All heavy atoms as atom14 arrays in JSON, in Angstrom:
{
  "sequence": "GSLRLSCATSGRTFSDYSMGWFRQAPGKEREFVAAISWTGDNEYY",
  "atom14_mask": [
    [1, 1, 1, 1, 0, 0, 0, 0, 0, 0, 0, 0, 0, 0],
    [1, 1, 1, 1, 1, 1, 0, 0, 0, 0, 0, 0, 0, 0],
    [1, 1, 1, 1, 1, 1, 1, 1, 0, 0, 0, 0, 0, 0],
    [1, 1, 1, 1, 1, 1, 1, 1, 1, 1, 1, 0, 0, 0],
    [1, 1, 1, 1, 1, 1, 1, 1, 0, 0, 0, 0, 0, 0],
    [1, 1, 1, 1, 1, 1, 0, 0, 0, 0, 0, 0, 0, 0],
    [1, 1, 1, 1, 1, 1, 0, 0, 0, 0, 0, 0, 0, 0],
    [1, 1, 1, 1, 1, 0, 0, 0, 0, 0, 0, 0, 0, 0],
    [1, 1, 1, 1, 1, 1, 1, 0, 0, 0, 0, 0, 0, 0],
    [1, 1, 1, 1, 1, 1, 0, 0, 0, 0, 0, 0, 0, 0],
    [1, 1, 1, 1, 0, 0, 0, 0, 0, 0, 0, 0, 0, 0],
    [1, 1, 1, 1, 1, 1, 1, 1, 1, 1, 1, 0, 0, 0],
    [1, 1, 1, 1, 1, 1, 1, 0, 0, 0, 0, 0, 0, 0],
    [1, 1, 1, 1, 1, 1, 1, 1, 1, 1, 1, 0, 0, 0],
    [1, 1, 1, 1, 1, 1, 0, 0, 0, 0, 0, 0, 0, 0],
    [1, 1, 1, 1, 1, 1, 1, 1, 0, 0, 0, 0, 0, 0],
    [1, 1, 1, 1, 1, 1, 1, 1, 1, 1, 1, 1, 0, 0],
    [1, 1, 1, 1, 1, 1, 0, 0, 0, 0, 0, 0, 0, 0],
    [1, 1, 1, 1, 1, 1, 1, 1, 0, 0, 0, 0, 0, 0],
    [1, 1, 1, 1, 0, 0, 0, 0, 0, 0, 0, 0, 0, 0],
    [1, 1, 1, 1, 1, 1, 1, 1, 1, 1, 1, 1, 1, 1],
    [1, 1, 1, 1, 1, 1, 1, 1, 1, 1, 1, 0, 0, 0],
    [1, 1, 1, 1, 1, 1, 1, 1, 1, 1, 1, 0, 0, 0],
    [1, 1, 1, 1, 1, 1, 1, 1, 1, 0, 0, 0, 0, 0],
    [1, 1, 1, 1, 1, 0, 0, 0, 0, 0, 0, 0, 0, 0],
    [1, 1, 1, 1, 1, 1, 1, 0, 0, 0, 0, 0, 0, 0],
    [1, 1, 1, 1, 0, 0, 0, 0, 0, 0, 0, 0, 0, 0],
    [1, 1, 1, 1, 1, 1, 1, 1, 1, 0, 0, 0, 0, 0],
    [1, 1, 1, 1, 1, 1, 1, 1, 1, 0, 0, 0, 0, 0],
    [1, 1, 1, 1, 1, 1, 1, 1, 1, 1, 1, 0, 0, 0],
    [1, 1, 1, 1, 1, 1, 1, 1, 1, 0, 0, 0, 0, 0],
    [1, 1, 1, 1, 1, 1, 1, 1, 1, 1, 1, 0, 0, 0],
    [1, 1, 1, 1, 1, 1, 1, 0, 0, 0, 0, 0, 0, 0],
    [1, 1, 1, 1, 1, 0, 0, 0, 0, 0, 0, 0, 0, 0],
    [1, 1, 1, 1, 1, 0, 0, 0, 0, 0, 0, 0, 0, 0],
    [1, 1, 1, 1, 1, 1, 1, 1, 0, 0, 0, 0, 0, 0],
    [1, 1, 1, 1, 1, 1, 0, 0, 0, 0, 0, 0, 0, 0],
    [1, 1, 1, 1, 1, 1, 1, 1, 1, 1, 1, 1, 1, 1],
    [1, 1, 1, 1, 1, 1, 1, 0, 0, 0, 0, 0, 0, 0],
    [1, 1, 1, 1, 0, 0, 0, 0, 0, 0, 0, 0, 0, 0],
    [1, 1, 1, 1, 1, 1, 1, 1, 0, 0, 0, 0, 0, 0],
    [1, 1, 1, 1, 1, 1, 1, 1, 0, 0, 0, 0, 0, 0],
    [1, 1, 1, 1, 1, 1, 1, 1, 1, 0, 0, 0, 0, 0],
    [1, 1, 1, 1, 1, 1, 1, 1, 1, 1, 1, 1, 0, 0],
    [1, 1, 1, 1, 1, 1, 1, 1, 1, 1, 1, 1, 0, 0]
  ],
  "atom14_positions": [
    [[-75.56, 20.67, 16.17], [-74.59, 21.39, 16.95], [-75.04, 21.58, 18.36], [-76.16, 21.14, 18.75], [0.0, 0.0, 0.0], [0.0, 0.0, 0.0], [0.0, 0.0, 0.0], [0.0, 0.0, 0.0], [0.0, 0.0, 0.0], [0.0, 0.0, 0.0], [0.0, 0.0, 0.0], [0.0, 0.0, 0.0], [0.0, 0.0, 0.0], [0.0, 0.0, 0.0]],
    [[-74.28, 22.32, 19.17], [-74.54, 22.53, 20.57], [-74.39, 24.0, 20.98], [-73.6, 24.72, 20.38], [-73.62, 21.69, 21.41], [-73.78, 20.29, 21.17], [0.0, 0.0, 0.0], [0.0, 0.0, 0.0], [0.0, 0.0, 0.0], [0.0, 0.0, 0.0], [0.0, 0.0, 0.0], [0.0, 0.0, 0.0], [0.0, 0.0, 0.0], [0.0, 0.0, 0.0]],
    [[-75.14, 24.39, 21.97], [-74.98, 25.69, 22.65], [-75.18, 25.53, 24.08], [-75.89, 24.62, 24.54], [-75.99, 26.68, 22.12], [-75.83, 27.27, 20.71], [-77.05, 28.1, 20.34], [-74.57, 28.11, 20.67], [0.0, 0.0, 0.0], [0.0, 0.0, 0.0], [0.0, 0.0, 0.0], [0.0, 0.0, 0.0], [0.0, 0.0, 0.0], [0.0, 0.0, 0.0]],
    [[-74.65, 26.44, 24.85], [-74.89, 26.52, 26.32], [-75.4, 27.88, 26.66], [-74.7, 28.89, 26.42], [-73.69, 26.15, 27.17], [-74.06, 26.04, 28.65], [-72.89, 25.79, 29.52], [-72.08, 26.98, 29.74], [-71.15, 27.11, 30.72], [-70.97, 26.15, 31.56], [-70.48, 28.25, 30.81], [0.0, 0.0, 0.0], [0.0, 0.0, 0.0], [0.0, 0.0, 0.0]],
    [[-76.61, 27.95, 27.19], [-77.19, 29.19, 27.63], [-76.93, 29.39, 29.08], [-76.83, 28.44, 29.88], [-78.68, 29.22, 27.37], [-79.18, 28.89, 25.97], [-80.69, 29.05, 25.88], [-78.49, 29.8, 24.93], [0.0, 0.0, 0.0], [0.0, 0.0, 0.0], [0.0, 0.0, 0.0], [0.0, 0.0, 0.0], [0.0, 0.0, 0.0], [0.0, 0.0, 0.0]],
    [[-76.75, 30.67, 29.47], [-76.54, 31.04, 30.9], [-77.63, 32.04, 31.3], [-78.06, 32.82, 30.5], [-75.19, 31.58, 31.06], [-74.16, 30.7, 30.78], [0.0, 0.0, 0.0], [0.0, 0.0, 0.0], [0.0, 0.0, 0.0], [0.0, 0.0, 0.0], [0.0, 0.0, 0.0], [0.0, 0.0, 0.0], [0.0, 0.0, 0.0], [0.0, 0.0, 0.0]],
    [[-77.95, 32.05, 32.56], [-78.88, 32.98, 33.13], [-78.27, 33.47, 34.46], [-78.21, 32.73, 35.44], [-80.21, 32.34, 33.35], [-81.42, 33.41, 34.26], [0.0, 0.0, 0.0], [0.0, 0.0, 0.0], [0.0, 0.0, 0.0], [0.0, 0.0, 0.0], [0.0, 0.0, 0.0], [0.0, 0.0, 0.0], [0.0, 0.0, 0.0], [0.0, 0.0, 0.0]],
    [[-77.76, 34.66, 34.4], [-77.2, 35.31, 35.6], [-78.35, 35.91, 36.44], [-79.19, 36.63, 35.89], [-76.2, 36.36, 35.28], [0.0, 0.0, 0.0], [0.0, 0.0, 0.0], [0.0, 0.0, 0.0], [0.0, 0.0, 0.0], [0.0, 0.0, 0.0], [0.0, 0.0, 0.0], [0.0, 0.0, 0.0], [0.0, 0.0, 0.0], [0.0, 0.0, 0.0]],
    [[-78.37, 35.66, 37.73], [-79.44, 36.15, 38.58], [-78.89, 37.03, 39.7], [-77.73, 36.87, 40.13], [-80.23, 34.99, 39.21], [-79.51, 34.43, 40.26], [-80.55, 33.95, 38.18], [0.0, 0.0, 0.0], [0.0, 0.0, 0.0], [0.0, 0.0, 0.0], [0.0, 0.0, 0.0], [0.0, 0.0, 0.0], [0.0, 0.0, 0.0], [0.0, 0.0, 0.0]],
    [[-79.73, 37.89, 40.24], [-79.37, 38.71, 41.37], [-80.65, 39.16, 42.11], [-81.77, 39.03, 41.53], [-78.57, 39.95, 40.91], [-79.32, 40.77, 40.09], [0.0, 0.0, 0.0], [0.0, 0.0, 0.0], [0.0, 0.0, 0.0], [0.0, 0.0, 0.0], [0.0, 0.0, 0.0], [0.0, 0.0, 0.0], [0.0, 0.0, 0.0], [0.0, 0.0, 0.0]],
    [[-80.52, 39.66, 43.31], [-81.67, 40.22, 43.97], [-82.24, 39.44, 45.18], [-83.03, 40.0, 45.91], [0.0, 0.0, 0.0], [0.0, 0.0, 0.0], [0.0, 0.0, 0.0], [0.0, 0.0, 0.0], [0.0, 0.0, 0.0], [0.0, 0.0, 0.0], [0.0, 0.0, 0.0], [0.0, 0.0, 0.0], [0.0, 0.0, 0.0], [0.0, 0.0, 0.0]],
    [[-81.8, 38.18, 45.31], [-82.28, 37.37, 46.39], [-81.46, 36.11, 46.56], [-80.47, 35.97, 45.78], [-83.79, 36.99, 46.18], [-84.05, 36.13, 44.95], [-85.55, 35.85, 44.79], [-85.8, 35.01, 43.67], [-87.02, 34.6, 43.31], [-88.09, 34.99, 44.01], [-87.17, 33.85, 42.23], [0.0, 0.0, 0.0], [0.0, 0.0, 0.0], [0.0, 0.0, 0.0]],
    [[-81.87, 35.25, 47.47], [-81.1, 34.03, 47.75], [-81.41, 32.99, 46.69], [-82.38, 32.26, 46.74], [-81.41, 33.46, 49.12], [-81.17, 34.49, 50.14], [-80.56, 32.26, 49.45], [0.0, 0.0, 0.0], [0.0, 0.0, 0.0], [0.0, 0.0, 0.0], [0.0, 0.0, 0.0], [0.0, 0.0, 0.0], [0.0, 0.0, 0.0], [0.0, 0.0, 0.0]],
    [[-80.52, 32.88, 45.66], [-80.77, 32.05, 44.49], [-81.01, 30.61, 44.89], [-81.85, 29.93, 44.25], [-79.54, 32.23, 43.61], [-79.59, 31.3, 42.4], [-80.42, 31.55, 41.38], [-78.7, 30.26, 42.29], [-80.42, 30.75, 40.26], [-78.69, 29.42, 41.16], [-79.56, 29.68, 40.17], [0.0, 0.0, 0.0], [0.0, 0.0, 0.0], [0.0, 0.0, 0.0]],
    [[-80.3, 30.1, 45.89], [-80.35, 28.67, 46.22], [-81.67, 28.25, 46.82], [-81.88, 27.05, 47.02], [-79.19, 28.35, 47.17], [-79.25, 29.11, 48.35], [0.0, 0.0, 0.0], [0.0, 0.0, 0.0], [0.0, 0.0, 0.0], [0.0, 0.0, 0.0], [0.0, 0.0, 0.0], [0.0, 0.0, 0.0], [0.0, 0.0, 0.0], [0.0, 0.0, 0.0]],
    [[-82.56, 29.2, 47.18], [-83.85, 28.85, 47.75], [-84.96, 28.63, 46.74], [-86.07, 28.33, 47.06], [-84.29, 29.89, 48.74], [-83.56, 29.87, 50.05], [-82.87, 28.79, 50.33], [-83.59, 30.84, 50.82], [0.0, 0.0, 0.0], [0.0, 0.0, 0.0], [0.0, 0.0, 0.0], [0.0, 0.0, 0.0], [0.0, 0.0, 0.0], [0.0, 0.0, 0.0]],
    [[-84.63, 28.86, 45.42], [-85.67, 28.96, 44.4], [-85.37, 27.98, 43.27], [-84.25, 27.91, 42.78], [-85.79, 30.35, 43.87], [-86.25, 31.31, 44.89], [-85.34, 31.97, 45.74], [-87.6, 31.64, 45.07], [-85.84, 32.84, 46.72], [-88.04, 32.54, 46.02], [-87.13, 33.11, 46.82], [-87.59, 33.98, 47.8], [0.0, 0.0, 0.0], [0.0, 0.0, 0.0]],
    [[-86.43, 27.31, 42.85], [-86.35, 26.53, 41.63], [-86.24, 27.52, 40.44], [-86.55, 28.72, 40.56], [-87.58, 25.6, 41.44], [-88.75, 26.41, 41.45], [0.0, 0.0, 0.0], [0.0, 0.0, 0.0], [0.0, 0.0, 0.0], [0.0, 0.0, 0.0], [0.0, 0.0, 0.0], [0.0, 0.0, 0.0], [0.0, 0.0, 0.0], [0.0, 0.0, 0.0]],
    [[-85.86, 27.01, 39.26], [-85.71, 27.89, 38.1], [-86.17, 27.09, 36.87], [-86.2, 25.84, 36.81], [-84.21, 28.24, 37.89], [-83.63, 29.1, 39.04], [-84.25, 30.81, 39.07], [-83.6, 31.43, 37.52], [0.0, 0.0, 0.0], [0.0, 0.0, 0.0], [0.0, 0.0, 0.0], [0.0, 0.0, 0.0], [0.0, 0.0, 0.0], [0.0, 0.0, 0.0]],
    [[-86.49, 27.87, 35.8], [-86.96, 27.24, 34.57], [-86.47, 27.92, 33.31], [-86.01, 29.06, 33.39], [0.0, 0.0, 0.0], [0.0, 0.0, 0.0], [0.0, 0.0, 0.0], [0.0, 0.0, 0.0], [0.0, 0.0, 0.0], [0.0, 0.0, 0.0], [0.0, 0.0, 0.0], [0.0, 0.0, 0.0], [0.0, 0.0, 0.0], [0.0, 0.0, 0.0]],
    [[-86.55, 27.16, 32.24], [-86.31, 27.68, 30.89], [-87.55, 27.43, 30.02], [-88.14, 26.35, 30.08], [-85.13, 27.0, 30.19], [-83.76, 27.33, 30.72], [-83.01, 26.62, 31.63], [-83.02, 28.52, 30.37], [-81.83, 27.23, 31.82], [-81.74, 28.4, 31.07], [-83.2, 29.53, 29.52], [-80.76, 29.36, 30.94], [-82.19, 30.5, 29.42], [-81.01, 30.43, 30.11]],
    [[-87.96, 28.49, 29.28], [-89.0, 28.35, 28.3], [-88.49, 28.95, 26.98], [-87.51, 29.61, 26.89], [-90.21, 29.17, 28.72], [-90.99, 28.56, 29.85], [-90.5, 28.62, 31.17], [-92.2, 27.89, 29.65], [-91.19, 28.04, 32.27], [-92.9, 27.34, 30.7], [-92.39, 27.42, 31.97], [0.0, 0.0, 0.0], [0.0, 0.0, 0.0], [0.0, 0.0, 0.0]],
    [[-89.24, 28.58, 25.86], [-88.83, 29.1, 24.6], [-90.16, 29.46, 23.82], [-91.21, 28.94, 24.07], [-87.98, 28.13, 23.84], [-88.72, 26.88, 23.37], [-87.78, 25.9, 22.74], [-88.45, 24.67, 22.28], [-87.83, 23.56, 21.84], [-86.47, 23.57, 21.8], [-88.53, 22.54, 21.45], [0.0, 0.0, 0.0], [0.0, 0.0, 0.0], [0.0, 0.0, 0.0]],
    [[-89.94, 30.3, 22.84], [-91.06, 30.7, 21.98], [-90.61, 30.96, 20.57], [-89.7, 31.8, 20.32], [-91.75, 31.94, 22.57], [-93.07, 32.27, 21.81], [-93.87, 33.32, 22.59], [-93.39, 34.01, 23.45], [-95.14, 33.36, 22.32], [0.0, 0.0, 0.0], [0.0, 0.0, 0.0], [0.0, 0.0, 0.0], [0.0, 0.0, 0.0], [0.0, 0.0, 0.0]],
    [[-91.2, 30.23, 19.62], [-90.92, 30.43, 18.26], [-91.93, 31.36, 17.65], [-93.06, 31.51, 18.22], [-90.95, 29.06, 17.48], [0.0, 0.0, 0.0], [0.0, 0.0, 0.0], [0.0, 0.0, 0.0], [0.0, 0.0, 0.0], [0.0, 0.0, 0.0], [0.0, 0.0, 0.0], [0.0, 0.0, 0.0], [0.0, 0.0, 0.0], [0.0, 0.0, 0.0]],
    [[-91.62, 32.02, 16.5], [-92.59, 32.94, 15.93], [-93.94, 32.31, 15.6], [-93.97, 31.22, 15.0], [-91.89, 33.42, 14.62], [-90.46, 33.21, 14.95], [-90.33, 32.0, 15.84], [0.0, 0.0, 0.0], [0.0, 0.0, 0.0], [0.0, 0.0, 0.0], [0.0, 0.0, 0.0], [0.0, 0.0, 0.0], [0.0, 0.0, 0.0], [0.0, 0.0, 0.0]],
    [[-95.01, 32.92, 16.03], [-96.37, 32.4, 15.82], [-96.73, 31.18, 16.62], [-97.82, 30.62, 16.37], [0.0, 0.0, 0.0], [0.0, 0.0, 0.0], [0.0, 0.0, 0.0], [0.0, 0.0, 0.0], [0.0, 0.0, 0.0], [0.0, 0.0, 0.0], [0.0, 0.0, 0.0], [0.0, 0.0, 0.0], [0.0, 0.0, 0.0], [0.0, 0.0, 0.0]],
    [[-95.93, 30.77, 17.58], [-96.23, 29.63, 18.44], [-96.33, 30.01, 19.87], [-95.79, 31.03, 20.31], [-95.15, 28.56, 18.24], [-95.05, 28.04, 16.82], [-93.96, 26.9, 16.77], [-94.4, 25.7, 17.55], [-93.39, 24.59, 17.33], [0.0, 0.0, 0.0], [0.0, 0.0, 0.0], [0.0, 0.0, 0.0], [0.0, 0.0, 0.0], [0.0, 0.0, 0.0]],
    [[-96.99, 29.21, 20.65], [-97.18, 29.39, 22.04], [-95.89, 29.2, 22.82], [-95.06, 28.4, 22.41], [-98.26, 28.44, 22.58], [-98.65, 28.7, 24.03], [-99.78, 27.76, 24.46], [-100.36, 27.12, 23.59], [-100.09, 27.73, 25.66], [0.0, 0.0, 0.0], [0.0, 0.0, 0.0], [0.0, 0.0, 0.0], [0.0, 0.0, 0.0], [0.0, 0.0, 0.0]],
    [[-95.72, 29.87, 23.92], [-94.51, 29.67, 24.75], [-94.53, 28.23, 25.27], [-95.5, 27.7, 25.72], [-94.58, 30.63, 25.93], [-93.35, 30.59, 26.85], [-93.39, 31.74, 27.82], [-94.72, 31.93, 28.4], [-95.05, 32.91, 29.2], [-94.12, 33.89, 29.5], [-96.26, 33.01, 29.7], [0.0, 0.0, 0.0], [0.0, 0.0, 0.0], [0.0, 0.0, 0.0]],
    [[-93.36, 27.58, 25.17], [-93.18, 26.16, 25.47], [-92.25, 25.9, 26.63], [-91.16, 26.54, 26.64], [-92.74, 25.5, 24.2], [-92.46, 23.97, 24.38], [-91.8, 23.37, 23.11], [-91.24, 24.11, 22.28], [-91.83, 22.08, 23.03], [0.0, 0.0, 0.0], [0.0, 0.0, 0.0], [0.0, 0.0, 0.0], [0.0, 0.0, 0.0], [0.0, 0.0, 0.0]],
    [[-92.62, 25.05, 27.48], [-91.74, 24.66, 28.56], [-90.58, 23.84, 28.05], [-90.75, 22.94, 27.2], [-92.53, 23.79, 29.58], [-91.63, 23.15, 30.57], [-91.04, 23.91, 31.61], [-91.4, 21.77, 30.57], [-90.21, 23.29, 32.57], [-90.59, 21.14, 31.51], [-90.04, 21.96, 32.5], [0.0, 0.0, 0.0], [0.0, 0.0, 0.0], [0.0, 0.0, 0.0]],
    [[-89.41, 24.14, 28.53], [-88.16, 23.46, 28.06], [-87.61, 22.58, 29.22], [-87.39, 21.4, 29.05], [-87.11, 24.45, 27.58], [-85.78, 23.71, 27.28], [-87.62, 25.23, 26.42], [0.0, 0.0, 0.0], [0.0, 0.0, 0.0], [0.0, 0.0, 0.0], [0.0, 0.0, 0.0], [0.0, 0.0, 0.0], [0.0, 0.0, 0.0], [0.0, 0.0, 0.0]],
    [[-87.36, 23.23, 30.35], [-86.7, 22.52, 31.46], [-86.84, 23.31, 32.75], [-87.03, 24.47, 32.75], [-85.2, 22.24, 31.21], [0.0, 0.0, 0.0], [0.0, 0.0, 0.0], [0.0, 0.0, 0.0], [0.0, 0.0, 0.0], [0.0, 0.0, 0.0], [0.0, 0.0, 0.0], [0.0, 0.0, 0.0], [0.0, 0.0, 0.0], [0.0, 0.0, 0.0]],
    [[-86.79, 22.59, 33.88], [-86.79, 23.17, 35.21], [-85.94, 22.41, 36.13], [-85.75, 21.2, 35.95], [-88.27, 23.24, 35.73], [0.0, 0.0, 0.0], [0.0, 0.0, 0.0], [0.0, 0.0, 0.0], [0.0, 0.0, 0.0], [0.0, 0.0, 0.0], [0.0, 0.0, 0.0], [0.0, 0.0, 0.0], [0.0, 0.0, 0.0], [0.0, 0.0, 0.0]],
    [[-85.47, 23.11, 37.15], [-84.6, 22.48, 38.14], [-84.96, 22.94, 39.57], [-85.28, 24.08, 39.74], [-83.13, 22.78, 37.82], [-82.14, 21.99, 38.69], [-82.85, 24.28, 37.96], [-80.7, 22.01, 38.25], [0.0, 0.0, 0.0], [0.0, 0.0, 0.0], [0.0, 0.0, 0.0], [0.0, 0.0, 0.0], [0.0, 0.0, 0.0], [0.0, 0.0, 0.0]],
    [[-84.92, 21.99, 40.49], [-85.31, 22.34, 41.87], [-84.23, 23.23, 42.52], [-83.13, 23.43, 41.97], [-85.48, 21.04, 42.68], [-84.26, 20.34, 42.8], [0.0, 0.0, 0.0], [0.0, 0.0, 0.0], [0.0, 0.0, 0.0], [0.0, 0.0, 0.0], [0.0, 0.0, 0.0], [0.0, 0.0, 0.0], [0.0, 0.0, 0.0], [0.0, 0.0, 0.0]],
    [[-84.55, 23.79, 43.67], [-83.62, 24.75, 44.31], [-82.32, 24.07, 44.69], [-81.3, 24.81, 44.72], [-84.34, 25.4, 45.49], [-84.76, 24.45, 46.58], [-84.08, 24.14, 47.7], [-85.99, 23.71, 46.66], [-84.82, 23.3, 48.54], [-85.96, 22.98, 47.82], [-87.08, 23.59, 45.78], [-87.01, 22.14, 48.2], [-88.08, 22.74, 46.2], [-88.07, 22.05, 47.36]],
    [[-82.37, 22.83, 44.96], [-81.12, 22.15, 45.35], [-80.34, 21.62, 44.14], [-79.2, 21.26, 44.23], [-81.38, 20.92, 46.23], [-82.21, 19.95, 45.55], [-82.11, 21.38, 47.52], [0.0, 0.0, 0.0], [0.0, 0.0, 0.0], [0.0, 0.0, 0.0], [0.0, 0.0, 0.0], [0.0, 0.0, 0.0], [0.0, 0.0, 0.0], [0.0, 0.0, 0.0]],
    [[-81.03, 21.51, 42.98], [-80.4, 20.89, 41.79], [-80.58, 19.4, 41.74], [-80.02, 18.81, 40.82], [0.0, 0.0, 0.0], [0.0, 0.0, 0.0], [0.0, 0.0, 0.0], [0.0, 0.0, 0.0], [0.0, 0.0, 0.0], [0.0, 0.0, 0.0], [0.0, 0.0, 0.0], [0.0, 0.0, 0.0], [0.0, 0.0, 0.0], [0.0, 0.0, 0.0]],
    [[-81.26, 18.85, 42.7], [-81.4, 17.35, 42.74], [-82.51, 16.82, 41.86], [-82.57, 15.6, 41.62], [-81.7, 16.93, 44.21], [-80.53, 17.14, 45.11], [-79.37, 17.15, 44.64], [-80.72, 17.37, 46.31], [0.0, 0.0, 0.0], [0.0, 0.0, 0.0], [0.0, 0.0, 0.0], [0.0, 0.0, 0.0], [0.0, 0.0, 0.0], [0.0, 0.0, 0.0]],
    [[-83.41, 17.66, 41.43], [-84.52, 17.2, 40.59], [-84.67, 18.07, 39.36], [-84.47, 19.29, 39.45], [-85.83, 17.22, 41.39], [-85.78, 16.27, 42.6], [-85.59, 16.76, 43.73], [-85.98, 15.01, 42.34], [0.0, 0.0, 0.0], [0.0, 0.0, 0.0], [0.0, 0.0, 0.0], [0.0, 0.0, 0.0], [0.0, 0.0, 0.0], [0.0, 0.0, 0.0]],
    [[-85.08, 17.44, 38.26], [-85.19, 18.13, 36.96], [-86.46, 17.67, 36.27], [-86.82, 16.56, 36.32], [-83.95, 17.86, 36.1], [-82.67, 18.27, 36.74], [-81.44, 17.66, 36.05], [-81.6, 17.17, 34.9], [-80.38, 17.57, 36.67], [0.0, 0.0, 0.0], [0.0, 0.0, 0.0], [0.0, 0.0, 0.0], [0.0, 0.0, 0.0], [0.0, 0.0, 0.0]],
    [[-87.04, 18.63, 35.53], [-88.11, 18.33, 34.54], [-87.66, 18.74, 33.19], [-86.95, 19.77, 32.99], [-89.39, 19.1, 34.9], [-90.14, 18.65, 36.18], [-90.85, 19.61, 36.82], [-90.09, 17.39, 36.64], [-91.53, 19.28, 38.02], [-90.74, 17.07, 37.84], [-91.46, 18.02, 38.53], [-92.17, 17.68, 39.64], [0.0, 0.0, 0.0], [0.0, 0.0, 0.0]],
    [[-88.1, 18.01, 32.15], [-87.82, 18.37, 30.76], [-89.01, 18.22, 29.91], [-89.88, 17.3, 30.13], [-86.72, 17.46, 30.17], [-85.38, 17.65, 30.81], [-84.93, 16.83, 31.84], [-84.56, 18.7, 30.44], [-83.71, 17.02, 32.43], [-83.31, 18.92, 31.03], [-82.92, 18.1, 32.01], [-81.65, 18.26, 32.64], [0.0, 0.0, 0.0], [0.0, 0.0, 0.0]]
  ]
}
């Protein structure tokens, strides 16, 4: 199946900052999921 997560932000100029997603399963280390540049032109997975 599929899901879409959202992250609403506030407090500064959002478009000037890259952003990321991480996840953590029980008993496991926090894991990098994805990141996006401030412009949205570049992504890491």
